[in-house]
Amino acid sequence: MSETPQDQGSPDPGPLGPAAAAGPPPEPLPRAAVAWSVGSVWALALVLGILIALLSHPVQYASWLSLALGVSVIASFGAQLATQQKEGFVNRLATTLTGSFVILGVIGAILGAITLGH
């Protein structure tokens, strides 16, 4: 006679499956925490862009802006992982990265236009 998994004494997860046995779903992240985790990286991108505009030579704008974008990517992952919430992680990360890219892109376009004007 062959044994089925139910005969081996394994606990039955019930009709809802193993997810129901894990407990209630986690509390959603408050809006203020989402705004703080996203906004802080946007502010970092803005500060880096302004510093690049003020301190860099025009020939090096593109190099420094790409480095600033790389720093923003790392900061985005750090900020979103620091929330310790997996619910909505991808959306928060995408929002953070898109905003940083737009901020640095606008600053790059402005710097490019100023450089062409000289």
PDB file of N, CA and C in Angstrom:
ATOM      1  N   MET A   1       0.842  -1.164   0.000  1.00  0.00           N
ATOM      2  CA  MET A   1       0.000   0.000   0.000  1.00  0.00           C
ATOM      3  C   MET A   1       0.895   1.238   0.000  1.00  0.00           C
ATOM      4  N   SER A   2       0.609   2.159  -0.896  1.00  0.00           N
ATOM      5  CA  SER A   2       1.436   3.369  -0.987  1.00  0.00           C
ATOM      6  C   SER A   2       0.887   4.435  -0.055  1.00  0.00           C
ATOM      7  N   GLU A   3       1.841   5.228   0.482  1.00  0.00           N
ATOM      8  CA  GLU A   3       1.446   6.289   1.394  1.00  0.00           C
ATOM      9  C   GLU A   3       1.255   7.588   0.618  1.00  0.00           C
ATOM     10  N   THR A   4       0.228   8.285   0.929  1.00  0.00           N
ATOM     11  CA  THR A   4      -0.001   9.601   0.343  1.00  0.00           C
ATOM     12  C   THR A   4       0.563  10.644   1.298  1.00  0.00           C
ATOM     13  N   PRO A   5       0.785  11.866   0.821  1.00  0.00           N
ATOM     14  CA  PRO A   5       1.319  12.897   1.719  1.00  0.00           C
ATOM     15  C   PRO A   5       0.469  13.118   2.961  1.00  0.00           C
ATOM     16  N   GLN A   6      -0.840  12.874   2.863  1.00  0.00           N
ATOM     17  CA  GLN A   6      -1.690  13.062   4.031  1.00  0.00           C
ATOM     18  C   GLN A   6      -1.452  11.968   5.054  1.00  0.00           C
ATOM     19  N   ASP A   7      -1.055  10.767   4.602  1.00  0.00           N
ATOM     20  CA  ASP A   7      -0.808   9.649   5.502  1.00  0.00           C
ATOM     21  C   ASP A   7       0.516   9.800   6.235  1.00  0.00           C
ATOM     22  N   GLN A   8       1.424  10.642   5.768  1.00  0.00           N
ATOM     23  CA  GLN A   8       2.748  10.760   6.359  1.00  0.00           C
ATOM     24  C   GLN A   8       2.760  11.693   7.562  1.00  0.00           C
ATOM     25  N   GLY A   9       1.652  12.243   7.935  1.00  0.00           N
ATOM     26  CA  GLY A   9       1.596  13.087   9.121  1.00  0.00           C
ATOM     27  C   GLY A   9       1.931  14.537   8.870  1.00  0.00           C
ATOM     28  N   SER A  10       2.016  14.964   7.607  1.00  0.00           N
ATOM     29  CA  SER A  10       2.291  16.376   7.338  1.00  0.00           C
ATOM     30  C   SER A  10       1.044  17.187   7.669  1.00  0.00           C
ATOM     31  N   PRO A  11       1.229  18.378   8.216  1.00  0.00           N
ATOM     32  CA  PRO A  11       0.047  19.173   8.581  1.00  0.00           C
ATOM     33  C   PRO A  11      -0.709  19.620   7.337  1.00  0.00           C
ATOM     34  N   ASP A  12      -2.003  19.583   7.447  1.00  0.00           N
ATOM     35  CA  ASP A  12      -2.866  20.002   6.344  1.00  0.00           C
ATOM     36  C   ASP A  12      -2.977  21.524   6.374  1.00  0.00           C
ATOM     37  N   PRO A  13      -2.566  22.208   5.287  1.00  0.00           N
ATOM     38  CA  PRO A  13      -2.638  23.673   5.305  1.00  0.00           C
ATOM     39  C   PRO A  13      -4.053  24.213   5.277  1.00  0.00           C
ATOM     40  N   GLY A  14      -5.027  23.360   5.072  1.00  0.00           N
ATOM     41  CA  GLY A  14      -6.404  23.812   5.076  1.00  0.00           C
ATOM     42  C   GLY A  14      -6.863  24.212   3.688  1.00  0.00           C
ATOM     43  N   PRO A  15      -8.100  24.660   3.589  1.00  0.00           N
ATOM     44  CA  PRO A  15      -8.668  24.969   2.273  1.00  0.00           C
ATOM     45  C   PRO A  15      -8.062  26.221   1.635  1.00  0.00           C
ATOM     46  N   LEU A  16      -7.454  27.092   2.411  1.00  0.00           N
ATOM     47  CA  LEU A  16      -6.916  28.324   1.857  1.00  0.00           C
ATOM     48  C   LEU A  16      -5.442  28.203   1.472  1.00  0.00           C
ATOM     49  N   GLY A  17      -4.805  27.117   1.802  1.00  0.00           N
ATOM     50  CA  GLY A  17      -3.406  26.922   1.431  1.00  0.00           C
ATOM     51  C   GLY A  17      -2.451  27.441   2.497  1.00  0.00           C
ATOM     52  N   PRO A  18      -1.157  27.338   2.210  1.00  0.00           N
ATOM     53  CA  PRO A  18      -0.155  27.721   3.208  1.00  0.00           C
ATOM     54  C   PRO A  18      -0.116  29.216   3.493  1.00  0.00           C
ATOM     55  N   ALA A  19      -0.578  30.057   2.574  1.00  0.00           N
ATOM     56  CA  ALA A  19      -0.539  31.501   2.797  1.00  0.00           C
ATOM     57  C   ALA A  19      -1.461  31.904   3.946  1.00  0.00           C
ATOM     58  N   ALA A  20      -2.570  31.217   4.099  1.00  0.00           N
ATOM     59  CA  ALA A  20      -3.506  31.542   5.164  1.00  0.00           C
ATOM     60  C   ALA A  20      -2.925  31.191   6.524  1.00  0.00           C
ATOM     61  N   ALA A  21      -2.075  30.184   6.591  1.00  0.00           N
ATOM     62  CA  ALA A  21      -1.475  29.779   7.853  1.00  0.00           C
ATOM     63  C   ALA A  21      -0.399  30.762   8.315  1.00  0.00           C
ATOM     64  N   ALA A  22       0.087  31.622   7.420  1.00  0.00           N
ATOM     65  CA  ALA A  22       1.159  32.557   7.764  1.00  0.00           C
ATOM     66  C   ALA A  22       0.670  33.701   8.630  1.00  0.00           C
ATOM     67  N   GLY A  23      -0.601  33.932   8.706  1.00  0.00           N
ATOM     68  CA  GLY A  23      -1.126  35.009   9.531  1.00  0.00           C
ATOM     69  C   GLY A  23      -1.736  36.099   8.692  1.00  0.00           C
ATOM     70  N   PRO A  24      -2.103  37.178   9.346  1.00  0.00           N
ATOM     71  CA  PRO A  24      -2.749  38.273   8.611  1.00  0.00           C
ATOM     72  C   PRO A  24      -1.747  38.984   7.702  1.00  0.00           C
ATOM     73  N   PRO A  25      -2.241  39.624   6.657  1.00  0.00           N
ATOM     74  CA  PRO A  25      -1.326  40.345   5.755  1.00  0.00           C
ATOM     75  C   PRO A  25      -0.683  41.521   6.487  1.00  0.00           C
ATOM     76  N   PRO A  26       0.515  41.925   6.064  1.00  0.00           N
ATOM     77  CA  PRO A  26       1.188  43.035   6.745  1.00  0.00           C
ATOM     78  C   PRO A  26       0.455  44.356   6.519  1.00  0.00           C
ATOM     79  N   GLU A  27       0.672  45.270   7.437  1.00  0.00           N
ATOM     80  CA  GLU A  27       0.079  46.596   7.311  1.00  0.00           C
ATOM     81  C   GLU A  27       0.686  47.306   6.108  1.00  0.00           C
ATOM     82  N   PRO A  28      -0.124  48.030   5.341  1.00  0.00           N
ATOM     83  CA  PRO A  28       0.452  48.788   4.223  1.00  0.00           C
ATOM     84  C   PRO A  28       1.340  49.915   4.740  1.00  0.00           C
ATOM     85  N   LEU A  29       2.299  50.285   3.925  1.00  0.00           N
ATOM     86  CA  LEU A  29       3.238  51.340   4.277  1.00  0.00           C
ATOM     87  C   LEU A  29       2.492  52.674   4.285  1.00  0.00           C
ATOM     88  N   PRO A  30       2.635  53.473   5.337  1.00  0.00           N
ATOM     89  CA  PRO A  30       1.949  54.773   5.367  1.00  0.00           C
ATOM     90  C   PRO A  30       2.414  55.680   4.231  1.00  0.00           C
ATOM     91  N   ARG A  31       1.524  56.555   3.796  1.00  0.00           N
ATOM     92  CA  ARG A  31       1.843  57.468   2.692  1.00  0.00           C
ATOM     93  C   ARG A  31       3.054  58.339   3.004  1.00  0.00           C
ATOM     94  N   ALA A  32       3.200  58.748   4.253  1.00  0.00           N
ATOM     95  CA  ALA A  32       4.337  59.586   4.623  1.00  0.00           C
ATOM     96  C   ALA A  32       5.653  58.833   4.440  1.00  0.00           C
ATOM     97  N   ALA A  33       5.659  57.552   4.756  1.00  0.00           N
ATOM     98  CA  ALA A  33       6.875  56.757   4.588  1.00  0.00           C
ATOM     99  C   ALA A  33       7.198  56.561   3.114  1.00  0.00           C
ATOM    100  N   VAL A  34       6.165  56.364   2.301  1.00  0.00           N
ATOM    101  CA  VAL A  34       6.382  56.239   0.853  1.00  0.00           C
ATOM    102  C   VAL A  34       6.929  57.550   0.299  1.00  0.00           C
ATOM    103  N   ALA A  35       6.315  58.655   0.693  1.00  0.00           N
ATOM    104  CA  ALA A  35       6.770  59.966   0.210  1.00  0.00           C
ATOM    105  C   ALA A  35       8.201  60.243   0.662  1.00  0.00           C
ATOM    106  N   TRP A  36       8.531  59.873   1.869  1.00  0.00           N
ATOM    107  CA  TRP A  36       9.881  60.099   2.386  1.00  0.00           C
ATOM    108  C   TRP A  36      10.901  59.242   1.629  1.00  0.00           C
ATOM    109  N   SER A  37      10.577  57.963   1.390  1.00  0.00           N
ATOM    110  CA  SER A  37      11.539  57.071   0.729  1.00  0.00           C
ATOM    111  C   SER A  37      11.738  57.451  -0.738  1.00  0.00           C
ATOM    112  N   VAL A  38      10.711  57.942  -1.384  1.00  0.00           N
ATOM    113  CA  VAL A  38      10.829  58.358  -2.787  1.00  0.00           C
ATOM    114  C   VAL A  38      11.415  59.763  -2.879  1.00  0.00           C
ATOM    115  N   GLY A  39      10.891  60.669  -2.080  1.00  0.00           N
ATOM    116  CA  GLY A  39      11.312  62.069  -2.136  1.00  0.00           C
ATOM    117  C   GLY A  39      12.759  62.297  -1.744  1.00  0.00           C
ATOM    118  N   SER A  40      13.269  61.488  -0.841  1.00  0.00           N
ATOM    119  CA  SER A  40      14.658  61.664  -0.427  1.00  0.00           C
ATOM    120  C   SER A  40      15.625  61.368  -1.572  1.00  0.00           C
ATOM    121  N   VAL A  41      15.309  60.378  -2.374  1.00  0.00           N
ATOM    122  CA  VAL A  41      16.175  60.052  -3.512  1.00  0.00           C
ATOM    123  C   VAL A  41      16.031  61.111  -4.603  1.00  0.00           C
ATOM    124  N   TRP A  42      14.825  61.636  -4.790  1.00  0.00           N
ATOM    125  CA  TRP A  42      14.638  62.716  -5.757  1.00  0.00           C
ATOM    126  C   TRP A  42      15.431  63.947  -5.325  1.00  0.00           C
ATOM    127  N   ALA A  43      15.401  64.242  -4.033  1.00  0.00           N
ATOM    128  CA  ALA A  43      16.168  65.383  -3.524  1.00  0.00           C
ATOM    129  C   ALA A  43      17.667  65.154  -3.726  1.00  0.00           C
ATOM    130  N   LEU A  44      18.121  63.938  -3.511  1.00  0.00           N
ATOM    131  CA  LEU A  44      19.525  63.612  -3.746  1.00  0.00           C
ATOM    132  C   LEU A  44      19.896  63.842  -5.208  1.00  0.00           C
ATOM    133  N   ALA A  45      19.048  63.401  -6.124  1.00  0.00           N
ATOM    134  CA  ALA A  45      19.311  63.606  -7.556  1.00  0.00           C
ATOM    135  C   ALA A  45      19.355  65.089  -7.890  1.00  0.00           C
ATOM    136  N   LEU A  46      18.470  65.867  -7.317  1.00  0.00           N
ATOM    137  CA  LEU A  46      18.452  67.306  -7.563  1.00  0.00           C
ATOM    138  C   LEU A  46      19.719  67.974  -7.037  1.00  0.00           C
ATOM    139  N   VAL A  47      20.119  67.622  -5.829  1.00  0.00           N
ATOM    140  CA  VAL A  47      21.338  68.195  -5.240  1.00  0.00           C
ATOM    141  C   VAL A  47      22.556  67.811  -6.068  1.00  0.00           C
ATOM    142  N   LEU A  48      22.643  66.546  -6.469  1.00  0.00           N
ATOM    143  CA  LEU A  48      23.777  66.121  -7.295  1.00  0.00           C
ATOM    144  C   LEU A  48      23.796  66.870  -8.624  1.00  0.00           C
ATOM    145  N   GLY A  49      22.638  67.049  -9.240  1.00  0.00           N
ATOM    146  CA  GLY A  49      22.565  67.790 -10.498  1.00  0.00           C
ATOM    147  C   GLY A  49      23.004  69.229 -10.352  1.00  0.00           C
ATOM    148  N   ILE A  50      22.598  69.866  -9.271  1.00  0.00           N
ATOM    149  CA  ILE A  50      22.992  71.261  -9.035  1.00  0.00           C
ATOM    150  C   ILE A  50      24.493  71.350  -8.768  1.00  0.00           C
ATOM    151  N   LEU A  51      25.018  70.410  -7.987  1.00  0.00           N
ATOM    152  CA  LEU A  51      26.464  70.404  -7.735  1.00  0.00           C
ATOM    153  C   LEU A  51      27.259  70.188  -9.020  1.00  0.00           C
ATOM    154  N   ILE A  52      26.761  69.329  -9.883  1.00  0.00           N
ATOM    155  CA  ILE A  52      27.431  69.095 -11.159  1.00  0.00           C
ATOM    156  C   ILE A  52      27.425  70.376 -11.988  1.00  0.00           C
ATOM    157  N   ALA A  53      26.295  71.052 -12.002  1.00  0.00           N
ATOM    158  CA  ALA A  53      26.193  72.302 -12.773  1.00  0.00           C
ATOM    159  C   ALA A  53      27.144  73.367 -12.252  1.00  0.00           C
ATOM    160  N   LEU A  54      27.315  73.424 -10.934  1.00  0.00           N
ATOM    161  CA  LEU A  54      28.145  74.469 -10.343  1.00  0.00           C
ATOM    162  C   LEU A  54      29.634  74.144 -10.342  1.00  0.00           C
ATOM    163  N   LEU A  55      29.994  72.883 -10.185  1.00  0.00           N
ATOM    164  CA  LEU A  55      31.389  72.536  -9.950  1.00  0.00           C
ATOM    165  C   LEU A  55      32.093  71.849 -11.112  1.00  0.00           C
ATOM    166  N   SER A  56      31.357  71.386 -12.092  1.00  0.00           N
ATOM    167  CA  SER A  56      31.960  70.606 -13.168  1.00  0.00           C
ATOM    168  C   SER A  56      32.270  71.470 -14.388  1.00  0.00           C
ATOM    169  N   HIS A  57      33.226  71.009 -15.140  1.00  0.00           N
ATOM    170  CA  HIS A  57      33.554  71.647 -16.425  1.00  0.00           C
ATOM    171  C   HIS A  57      32.531  71.168 -17.456  1.00  0.00           C
ATOM    172  N   PRO A  58      32.085  72.036 -18.375  1.00  0.00           N
ATOM    173  CA  PRO A  58      31.048  71.644 -19.344  1.00  0.00           C
ATOM    174  C   PRO A  58      31.379  70.387 -20.154  1.00  0.00           C
ATOM    175  N   VAL A  59      32.635  70.132 -20.404  1.00  0.00           N
ATOM    176  CA  VAL A  59      33.001  68.937 -21.167  1.00  0.00           C
ATOM    177  C   VAL A  59      32.683  67.664 -20.376  1.00  0.00           C
ATOM    178  N   GLN A  60      32.642  67.768 -19.072  1.00  0.00           N
ATOM    179  CA  GLN A  60      32.456  66.596 -18.216  1.00  0.00           C
ATOM    180  C   GLN A  60      31.023  66.437 -17.700  1.00  0.00           C
ATOM    181  N   TYR A  61      30.094  67.251 -18.165  1.00  0.00           N
ATOM    182  CA  TYR A  61      28.706  67.163 -17.679  1.00  0.00           C
ATOM    183  C   TYR A  61      28.118  65.765 -17.852  1.00  0.00           C
ATOM    184  N   ALA A  62      28.268  65.174 -19.022  1.00  0.00           N
ATOM    185  CA  ALA A  62      27.648  63.876 -19.300  1.00  0.00           C
ATOM    186  C   ALA A  62      28.213  62.787 -18.391  1.00  0.00           C
ATOM    187  N   SER A  63      29.513  62.820 -18.171  1.00  0.00           N
ATOM    188  CA  SER A  63      30.123  61.808 -17.305  1.00  0.00           C
ATOM    189  C   SER A  63      29.615  61.927 -15.875  1.00  0.00           C
ATOM    190  N   TRP A  64      29.566  63.142 -15.382  1.00  0.00           N
ATOM    191  CA  TRP A  64      29.131  63.341 -14.014  1.00  0.00           C
ATOM    192  C   TRP A  64      27.638  63.049 -13.853  1.00  0.00           C
ATOM    193  N   LEU A  65      26.832  63.398 -14.856  1.00  0.00           N
ATOM    194  CA  LEU A  65      25.395  63.114 -14.760  1.00  0.00           C
ATOM    195  C   LEU A  65      25.120  61.614 -14.778  1.00  0.00           C
ATOM    196  N   SER A  66      25.896  60.870 -15.553  1.00  0.00           N
ATOM    197  CA  SER A  66      25.698  59.412 -15.557  1.00  0.00           C
ATOM    198  C   SER A  66      26.124  58.811 -14.224  1.00  0.00           C
ATOM    199  N   LEU A  67      27.172  59.361 -13.609  1.00  0.00           N
ATOM    200  CA  LEU A  67      27.579  58.905 -12.284  1.00  0.00           C
ATOM    201  C   LEU A  67      26.496  59.240 -11.256  1.00  0.00           C
ATOM    202  N   ALA A  68      25.919  60.423 -11.359  1.00  0.00           N
ATOM    203  CA  ALA A  68      24.840  60.814 -10.446  1.00  0.00           C
ATOM    204  C   ALA A  68      23.632  59.890 -10.603  1.00  0.00           C
ATOM    205  N   LEU A  69      23.344  59.469 -11.830  1.00  0.00           N
ATOM    206  CA  LEU A  69      22.241  58.533 -12.034  1.00  0.00           C
ATOM    207  C   LEU A  69      22.556  57.182 -11.394  1.00  0.00           C
ATOM    208  N   GLY A  70      23.797  56.739 -11.507  1.00  0.00           N
ATOM    209  CA  GLY A  70      24.197  55.488 -10.853  1.00  0.00           C
ATOM    210  C   GLY A  70      24.057  55.569  -9.342  1.00  0.00           C
ATOM    211  N   VAL A  71      24.446  56.697  -8.767  1.00  0.00           N
ATOM    212  CA  VAL A  71      24.287  56.897  -7.322  1.00  0.00           C
ATOM    213  C   VAL A  71      22.806  56.891  -6.960  1.00  0.00           C
ATOM    214  N   SER A  72      21.984  57.485  -7.805  1.00  0.00           N
ATOM    215  CA  SER A  72      20.540  57.498  -7.554  1.00  0.00           C
ATOM    216  C   SER A  72      19.941  56.096  -7.597  1.00  0.00           C
ATOM    217  N   VAL A  73      20.435  55.258  -8.487  1.00  0.00           N
ATOM    218  CA  VAL A  73      19.938  53.873  -8.565  1.00  0.00           C
ATOM    219  C   VAL A  73      20.263  53.135  -7.268  1.00  0.00           C
ATOM    220  N   ILE A  74      21.490  53.266  -6.801  1.00  0.00           N
ATOM    221  CA  ILE A  74      21.888  52.587  -5.568  1.00  0.00           C
ATOM    222  C   ILE A  74      21.100  53.145  -4.385  1.00  0.00           C
ATOM    223  N   ALA A  75      20.943  54.467  -4.338  1.00  0.00           N
ATOM    224  CA  ALA A  75      20.171  55.083  -3.260  1.00  0.00           C
ATOM    225  C   ALA A  75      18.701  54.656  -3.318  1.00  0.00           C
ATOM    226  N   SER A  76      18.165  54.458  -4.520  1.00  0.00           N
ATOM    227  CA  SER A  76      16.773  54.021  -4.664  1.00  0.00           C
ATOM    228  C   SER A  76      16.574  52.638  -4.060  1.00  0.00           C
ATOM    229  N   PHE A  77      17.480  51.726  -4.386  1.00  0.00           N
ATOM    230  CA  PHE A  77      17.381  50.391  -3.802  1.00  0.00           C
ATOM    231  C   PHE A  77      17.524  50.463  -2.289  1.00  0.00           C
ATOM    232  N   GLY A  78      18.469  51.246  -1.811  1.00  0.00           N
ATOM    233  CA  GLY A  78      18.662  51.371  -0.368  1.00  0.00           C
ATOM    234  C   GLY A  78      17.445  51.946   0.330  1.00  0.00           C
ATOM    235  N   ALA A  79      16.868  52.983  -0.235  1.00  0.00           N
ATOM    236  CA  ALA A  79      15.702  53.625   0.388  1.00  0.00           C
ATOM    237  C   ALA A  79      14.502  52.694   0.405  1.00  0.00           C
ATOM    238  N   GLN A  80      14.286  51.959  -0.674  1.00  0.00           N
ATOM    239  CA  GLN A  80      13.115  51.087  -0.723  1.00  0.00           C
ATOM    240  C   GLN A  80      13.309  49.818   0.100  1.00  0.00           C
ATOM    241  N   LEU A  81      14.523  49.324   0.169  1.00  0.00           N
ATOM    242  CA  LEU A  81      14.774  48.160   1.025  1.00  0.00           C
ATOM    243  C   LEU A  81      14.713  48.545   2.500  1.00  0.00           C
ATOM    244  N   ALA A  82      15.038  49.794   2.808  1.00  0.00           N
ATOM    245  CA  ALA A  82      14.993  50.258   4.195  1.00  0.00           C
ATOM    246  C   ALA A  82      13.566  50.298   4.737  1.00  0.00           C
ATOM    247  N   THR A  83      12.573  50.381   3.855  1.00  0.00           N
ATOM    248  CA  THR A  83      11.187  50.379   4.327  1.00  0.00           C
ATOM    249  C   THR A  83      10.778  49.009   4.867  1.00  0.00           C
ATOM    250  N   GLN A  84      11.491  47.968   4.484  1.00  0.00           N
ATOM    251  CA  GLN A  84      11.232  46.588   4.904  1.00  0.00           C
ATOM    252  C   GLN A  84       9.815  46.135   4.574  1.00  0.00           C
ATOM    253  N   GLN A  85       9.289  46.618   3.455  1.00  0.00           N
ATOM    254  CA  GLN A  85       7.961  46.222   2.986  1.00  0.00           C
ATOM    255  C   GLN A  85       8.078  45.680   1.576  1.00  0.00           C
ATOM    256  N   LYS A  86       7.662  44.438   1.381  1.00  0.00           N
ATOM    257  CA  LYS A  86       7.727  43.891   0.028  1.00  0.00           C
ATOM    258  C   LYS A  86       6.508  44.269  -0.809  1.00  0.00           C
ATOM    259  N   GLU A  87       5.412  44.610  -0.144  1.00  0.00           N
ATOM    260  CA  GLU A  87       4.214  45.021  -0.873  1.00  0.00           C
ATOM    261  C   GLU A  87       4.458  46.365  -1.544  1.00  0.00           C
ATOM    262  N   GLY A  88       4.350  46.426  -2.857  1.00  0.00           N
ATOM    263  CA  GLY A  88       4.514  47.665  -3.593  1.00  0.00           C
ATOM    264  C   GLY A  88       5.958  48.054  -3.859  1.00  0.00           C
ATOM    265  N   PHE A  89       6.898  47.146  -3.582  1.00  0.00           N
ATOM    266  CA  PHE A  89       8.321  47.448  -3.751  1.00  0.00           C
ATOM    267  C   PHE A  89       8.646  47.855  -5.182  1.00  0.00           C
ATOM    268  N   VAL A  90       8.152  47.097  -6.139  1.00  0.00           N
ATOM    269  CA  VAL A  90       8.478  47.374  -7.541  1.00  0.00           C
ATOM    270  C   VAL A  90       7.921  48.722  -7.966  1.00  0.00           C
ATOM    271  N   ASN A  91       6.698  49.029  -7.557  1.00  0.00           N
ATOM    272  CA  ASN A  91       6.113  50.319  -7.919  1.00  0.00           C
ATOM    273  C   ASN A  91       6.867  51.481  -7.278  1.00  0.00           C
ATOM    274  N   ARG A  92       7.234  51.338  -6.000  1.00  0.00           N
ATOM    275  CA  ARG A  92       7.998  52.395  -5.337  1.00  0.00           C
ATOM    276  C   ARG A  92       9.369  52.561  -5.979  1.00  0.00           C
ATOM    277  N   LEU A  93      10.015  51.464  -6.304  1.00  0.00           N
ATOM    278  CA  LEU A  93      11.335  51.535  -6.934  1.00  0.00           C
ATOM    279  C   LEU A  93      11.238  52.172  -8.318  1.00  0.00           C
ATOM    280  N   ALA A  94      10.233  51.788  -9.085  1.00  0.00           N
ATOM    281  CA  ALA A  94      10.056  52.369 -10.417  1.00  0.00           C
ATOM    282  C   ALA A  94       9.780  53.867 -10.334  1.00  0.00           C
ATOM    283  N   THR A  95       8.965  54.276  -9.377  1.00  0.00           N
ATOM    284  CA  THR A  95       8.670  55.700  -9.199  1.00  0.00           C
ATOM    285  C   THR A  95       9.927  56.463  -8.820  1.00  0.00           C
ATOM    286  N   THR A  96      10.704  55.906  -7.917  1.00  0.00           N
ATOM    287  CA  THR A  96      11.931  56.561  -7.472  1.00  0.00           C
ATOM    288  C   THR A  96      12.923  56.693  -8.616  1.00  0.00           C
ATOM    289  N   LEU A  97      13.126  55.619  -9.360  1.00  0.00           N
ATOM    290  CA  LEU A  97      14.092  55.651 -10.461  1.00  0.00           C
ATOM    291  C   LEU A  97      13.627  56.554 -11.597  1.00  0.00           C
ATOM    292  N   THR A  98      12.347  56.521 -11.913  1.00  0.00           N
ATOM    293  CA  THR A  98      11.831  57.370 -12.980  1.00  0.00           C
ATOM    294  C   THR A  98      11.975  58.847 -12.630  1.00  0.00           C
ATOM    295  N   GLY A  99      11.641  59.197 -11.406  1.00  0.00           N
ATOM    296  CA  GLY A  99      11.782  60.581 -10.971  1.00  0.00           C
ATOM    297  C   GLY A  99      13.223  61.051 -11.009  1.00  0.00           C
ATOM    298  N   SER A 100      14.147  60.213 -10.556  1.00  0.00           N
ATOM    299  CA  SER A 100      15.567  60.574 -10.581  1.00  0.00           C
ATOM    300  C   SER A 100      16.051  60.754 -12.015  1.00  0.00           C
ATOM    301  N   PHE A 101      15.609  59.857 -12.889  1.00  0.00           N
ATOM    302  CA  PHE A 101      16.002  59.945 -14.291  1.00  0.00           C
ATOM    303  C   PHE A 101      15.474  61.225 -14.922  1.00  0.00           C
ATOM    304  N   VAL A 102      14.243  61.583 -14.628  1.00  0.00           N
ATOM    305  CA  VAL A 102      13.653  62.803 -15.182  1.00  0.00           C
ATOM    306  C   VAL A 102      14.366  64.040 -14.641  1.00  0.00           C
ATOM    307  N   ILE A 103      14.621  64.072 -13.341  1.00  0.00           N
ATOM    308  CA  ILE A 103      15.304  65.224 -12.741  1.00  0.00           C
ATOM    309  C   ILE A 103      16.675  65.415 -13.368  1.00  0.00           C
ATOM    310  N   LEU A 104      17.459  64.349 -13.442  1.00  0.00           N
ATOM    311  CA  LEU A 104      18.800  64.466 -14.013  1.00  0.00           C
ATOM    312  C   LEU A 104      18.745  64.713 -15.522  1.00  0.00           C
ATOM    313  N   GLY A 105      17.727  64.200 -16.191  1.00  0.00           N
ATOM    314  CA  GLY A 105      17.564  64.458 -17.620  1.00  0.00           C
ATOM    315  C   GLY A 105      17.253  65.917 -17.907  1.00  0.00           C
ATOM    316  N   VAL A 106      16.383  66.502 -17.098  1.00  0.00           N
ATOM    317  CA  VAL A 106      16.054  67.921 -17.266  1.00  0.00           C
ATOM    318  C   VAL A 106      17.283  68.785 -16.981  1.00  0.00           C
ATOM    319  N   ILE A 107      18.005  68.462 -15.921  1.00  0.00           N
ATOM    320  CA  ILE A 107      19.225  69.209 -15.618  1.00  0.00           C
ATOM    321  C   ILE A 107      20.232  69.052 -16.746  1.00  0.00           C
ATOM    322  N   GLY A 108      20.361  67.844 -17.288  1.00  0.00           N
ATOM    323  CA  GLY A 108      21.270  67.631 -18.426  1.00  0.00           C
ATOM    324  C   GLY A 108      20.857  68.413 -19.651  1.00  0.00           C
ATOM    325  N   ALA A 109      19.569  68.489 -19.911  1.00  0.00           N
ATOM    326  CA  ALA A 109      19.090  69.256 -21.064  1.00  0.00           C
ATOM    327  C   ALA A 109      19.366  70.746 -20.875  1.00  0.00           C
ATOM    328  N   ILE A 110      19.148  71.239 -19.667  1.00  0.00           N
ATOM    329  CA  ILE A 110      19.436  72.644 -19.372  1.00  0.00           C
ATOM    330  C   ILE A 110      20.921  72.921 -19.525  1.00  0.00           C
ATOM    331  N   LEU A 111      21.757  72.053 -18.980  1.00  0.00           N
ATOM    332  CA  LEU A 111      23.211  72.252 -19.106  1.00  0.00           C
ATOM    333  C   LEU A 111      23.662  72.162 -20.546  1.00  0.00           C
ATOM    334  N   GLY A 112      23.047  71.257 -21.312  1.00  0.00           N
ATOM    335  CA  GLY A 112      23.380  71.155 -22.732  1.00  0.00           C
ATOM    336  C   GLY A 112      23.003  72.414 -23.496  1.00  0.00           C
ATOM    337  N   ALA A 113      21.834  72.958 -23.191  1.00  0.00           N
ATOM    338  CA  ALA A 113      21.385  74.188 -23.859  1.00  0.00           C
ATOM    339  C   ALA A 113      22.278  75.360 -23.485  1.00  0.00           C
ATOM    340  N   ILE A 114      22.684  75.430 -22.224  1.00  0.00           N
ATOM    341  CA  ILE A 114      23.580  76.508 -21.805  1.00  0.00           C
ATOM    342  C   ILE A 114      24.930  76.356 -22.481  1.00  0.00           C
ATOM    343  N   THR A 115      25.415  75.131 -22.584  1.00  0.00           N
ATOM    344  CA  THR A 115      26.719  74.897 -23.214  1.00  0.00           C
ATOM    345  C   THR A 115      26.681  75.254 -24.695  1.00  0.00           C
ATOM    346  N   LEU A 116      25.580  74.946 -25.372  1.00  0.00           N
ATOM    347  CA  LEU A 116      25.455  75.275 -26.786  1.00  0.00           C
ATOM    348  C   LEU A 116      25.369  76.787 -26.985  1.00  0.00           C
ATOM    349  N   GLY A 117      24.840  77.498 -26.005  1.00  0.00           N
ATOM    350  CA  GLY A 117      24.684  78.928 -26.101  1.00  0.00           C
ATOM    351  C   GLY A 117      26.004  79.698 -26.000  1.00  0.00           C
ATOM    352  N   HIS A 118      27.006  79.053 -25.475  1.00  0.00           N
ATOM    353  CA  HIS A 118      28.307  79.740 -25.303  1.00  0.00           C
ATOM    354  C   HIS A 118      29.191  79.496 -26.449  1.00  0.00           C
TER     355      HIS A 118
END
